[in-house]
Amino acid sequence: MKHSFRTRNVLLAAALALCAPLAAQAKYPERPITFVVPFGAGSATDQLARAIGQGVTEQSGQTVVIENKPGASAMIGASDVARAAPDGYTVLITTNTSQSANPHLYKKLSYDPVKDFNPVTLLGTGGQIMVVNPSSPAHSVTDFIKLAKEQPGKLSFGSGSSSSRVAGELFQQMAGVELLHVPYKSNPLVITDLLGGQIDMMMADMATGLPQVKAGKLRALGVTTPQASPLAPDVPTIADAGVPGYQMGYWFGAYVPAGTPAEVVSTLHDLMVNATTRTAATQFYTQTGTKPVTSTPDELASFQAEETRKWGEIIKKAGIEPA
């Protein structure tokens, strides 16, 4: 009897150990989840994070808190998530800025885009729109290029993300002009100064720039995508409007700190992918011209690696030296 009792305890312990991962998965999420956005409120990433967060809340019953931590080209927010507890309750909603472009733009990062994170899923891809103040004498891309060539280094462009910056740098390189780059913590801040006339041009994400164009507060000169946007069919592509071959875009993705349990990543993945099909997210995609794209964690890892290679080539070709 003593041997039998001991055997039963061993078997029970083994069974409980096998069930533990399932129990952990069933319990997650038990409390509010924080989505860290490394850009300012009102940015495209912020808008998408709030839409996805609403979908996650609808499914899980848990609140999703949005924390905007802009600055240093998304490094502040990315670093904070990299150092967070690997429990699935701190999620980085970011772009190619922090995960693919920054390694080529800075000699030293405060985080490792690969080693410090577990990928969760892609969340979408999008294009940008070249905008100027309505008072600008430039009414087209060729107008802007002519003005820039007449005043080398005098016209300025602002950027609040690596995507925005590299789009502007690539434009300079391909158009053969010299512009003054003015960095900002976030793209909405760039819009504010562009509206006020403090800078001359911006390559804005569609979610940030297009509403200002439709309101008549900014003038659109071109889009960075290969085809015109259905949201702004009268705005030509930059490639067609004066810079043949020009193309640029960006992507969104979700990450958690490295070491987050696989079952938690799996649950979070399913919640976020399902959230992309819910009302708040579909409205974001439709209104901003963003293409909804999701993936498995492994697919995001492979995609990130290829994008890092691609962005490295773009940055090197544009002649941008790491800071």
Foldseek 3Di string as FASTA:
>chain_A
DVVVVVVVVVVVVVVCVVCVLVVLLVCPPVEEAEEEEQADPQALLNLLVVLLQVLLCVVPVYHYHYHYNFDPQSQRRVLVQLPDDQALRYKYKYKCQVQAQQVQQAPDGSDHSAQFWQFQKWFFKFWWFKKAFPVDPDQALVSVLVVQVVPAAPAAEEDQHPQWVLLVLLCCLQSVGHYHYDYDRHDLVRVVVRLVVVHGITGGQQSRPVVCVVVVSIHTHAMQAPADFPLCNVHHHSCVGRRPPGHGMMTITMIGTPPNDPSSSVSVSVSSLSSCPDDSNVCSCVNRVIGTGIDGSVVVSVVSVVSNVVSSVSCVSSVNHHD
